[in-house]
């Protein structure tokens, strides 16, 4: 069971959920507190980091086929 908790597919799902949550948070922050640029930049930077992590995990799970 511990193997399932730390599997790559599960980690990928967790990262996608966190990325979606950040998308929502950023959208709300733009509307509710447009003057808080520092917080918004940090959220966007974290979202980009998550996107990069998701891309790397997807490549590990589904490696490109040789030409």
C-alpha atoms as a PDB file:
ATOM      1  CA  UNK A   1       0.000   0.000   0.000  1.00  0.00           C
ATOM      2  CA  UNK A   2       2.878   2.391   0.721  1.00  0.00           C
ATOM      3  CA  UNK A   3       4.092   1.907  -2.840  1.00  0.00           C
ATOM      4  CA  UNK A   4       0.773   3.239  -4.125  1.00  0.00           C
ATOM      5  CA  UNK A   5       1.005   6.314  -1.904  1.00  0.00           C
ATOM      6  CA  UNK A   6       4.368   7.264  -3.418  1.00  0.00           C
ATOM      7  CA  UNK A   7       3.803   6.179  -7.007  1.00  0.00           C
ATOM      8  CA  UNK A   8       4.508   8.492  -9.927  1.00  0.00           C
ATOM      9  CA  UNK A   9       0.906   8.475 -11.190  1.00  0.00           C
ATOM     10  CA  UNK A  10      -0.353   9.462  -7.744  1.00  0.00           C
ATOM     11  CA  UNK A  11       2.243  12.252  -7.475  1.00  0.00           C
ATOM     12  CA  UNK A  12       1.199  13.481 -10.906  1.00  0.00           C
ATOM     13  CA  UNK A  13      -2.433  13.659  -9.815  1.00  0.00           C
ATOM     14  CA  UNK A  14      -1.466  15.564  -6.668  1.00  0.00           C
ATOM     15  CA  UNK A  15       0.568  18.080  -8.688  1.00  0.00           C
ATOM     16  CA  UNK A  16      -2.274  18.588 -11.163  1.00  0.00           C
ATOM     17  CA  UNK A  17      -4.684  19.250  -8.305  1.00  0.00           C
ATOM     18  CA  UNK A  18      -2.300  21.726  -6.703  1.00  0.00           C
ATOM     19  CA  UNK A  19      -1.797  23.432 -10.083  1.00  0.00           C
ATOM     20  CA  UNK A  20      -5.569  23.735 -10.570  1.00  0.00           C
ATOM     21  CA  UNK A  21      -5.963  25.118  -7.045  1.00  0.00           C
ATOM     22  CA  UNK A  22      -3.284  27.732  -7.774  1.00  0.00           C
ATOM     23  CA  UNK A  23      -5.047  28.678 -11.016  1.00  0.00           C
ATOM     24  CA  UNK A  24      -8.208  29.336  -9.037  1.00  0.00           C
ATOM     25  CA  UNK A  25      -6.339  31.227  -6.327  1.00  0.00           C
ATOM     26  CA  UNK A  26      -4.574  33.427  -8.886  1.00  0.00           C
ATOM     27  CA  UNK A  27      -7.854  34.195 -10.665  1.00  0.00           C
ATOM     28  CA  UNK A  28      -9.473  35.217  -7.387  1.00  0.00           C
ATOM     29  CA  UNK A  29      -6.439  37.253  -6.311  1.00  0.00           C
ATOM     30  CA  UNK A  30      -6.550  39.273  -9.533  1.00  0.00           C
ATOM     31  CA  UNK A  31     -10.188  40.174  -8.914  1.00  0.00           C
ATOM     32  CA  UNK A  32     -10.152  40.641  -5.139  1.00  0.00           C
ATOM     33  CA  UNK A  33      -6.708  42.184  -4.522  1.00  0.00           C
ATOM     34  CA  UNK A  34      -5.307  43.509  -7.801  1.00  0.00           C
ATOM     35  CA  UNK A  35      -2.757  45.711  -6.016  1.00  0.00           C
ATOM     36  CA  UNK A  36      -0.908  42.830  -4.317  1.00  0.00           C
ATOM     37  CA  UNK A  37       1.666  42.237  -7.077  1.00  0.00           C
ATOM     38  CA  UNK A  38       4.253  40.456  -4.931  1.00  0.00           C
ATOM     39  CA  UNK A  39       1.835  37.747  -3.814  1.00  0.00           C
ATOM     40  CA  UNK A  40       0.555  37.344  -7.349  1.00  0.00           C
ATOM     41  CA  UNK A  41       4.089  36.959  -8.747  1.00  0.00           C
ATOM     42  CA  UNK A  42       4.919  34.334  -6.123  1.00  0.00           C
ATOM     43  CA  UNK A  43       1.757  32.383  -6.899  1.00  0.00           C
ATOM     44  CA  UNK A  44       2.482  32.484 -10.623  1.00  0.00           C
ATOM     45  CA  UNK A  45       6.075  31.381 -10.060  1.00  0.00           C
ATOM     46  CA  UNK A  46       4.875  28.429  -7.965  1.00  0.00           C
ATOM     47  CA  UNK A  47       2.319  27.542 -10.647  1.00  0.00           C
ATOM     48  CA  UNK A  48       5.047  27.556 -13.303  1.00  0.00           C
ATOM     49  CA  UNK A  49       7.251  25.346 -11.121  1.00  0.00           C
ATOM     50  CA  UNK A  50       4.366  22.904 -10.719  1.00  0.00           C
ATOM     51  CA  UNK A  51       3.788  22.890 -14.489  1.00  0.00           C
ATOM     52  CA  UNK A  52       7.461  22.012 -15.029  1.00  0.00           C
ATOM     53  CA  UNK A  53       7.257  19.219 -12.454  1.00  0.00           C
ATOM     54  CA  UNK A  54       4.109  17.858 -14.113  1.00  0.00           C
ATOM     55  CA  UNK A  55       5.804  17.889 -17.511  1.00  0.00           C
ATOM     56  CA  UNK A  56       8.828  15.988 -16.176  1.00  0.00           C
ATOM     57  CA  UNK A  57       6.647  13.357 -14.489  1.00  0.00           C
ATOM     58  CA  UNK A  58       4.546  12.915 -17.627  1.00  0.00           C
ATOM     59  CA  UNK A  59       7.747  12.327 -19.601  1.00  0.00           C
ATOM     60  CA  UNK A  60       8.871   9.700 -17.080  1.00  0.00           C
ATOM     61  CA  UNK A  61       5.534   7.902 -17.221  1.00  0.00           C
ATOM     62  CA  UNK A  62       5.192   8.065 -20.994  1.00  0.00           C
ATOM     63  CA  UNK A  63       8.680   8.392 -22.507  1.00  0.00           C
ATOM     64  CA  UNK A  64       8.876   9.513 -26.141  1.00  0.00           C
ATOM     65  CA  UNK A  65       9.094   6.728 -28.676  1.00  0.00           C
ATOM     66  CA  UNK A  66      12.255   6.454 -30.756  1.00  0.00           C
ATOM     67  CA  UNK A  67      11.940   7.770 -34.282  1.00  0.00           C
END
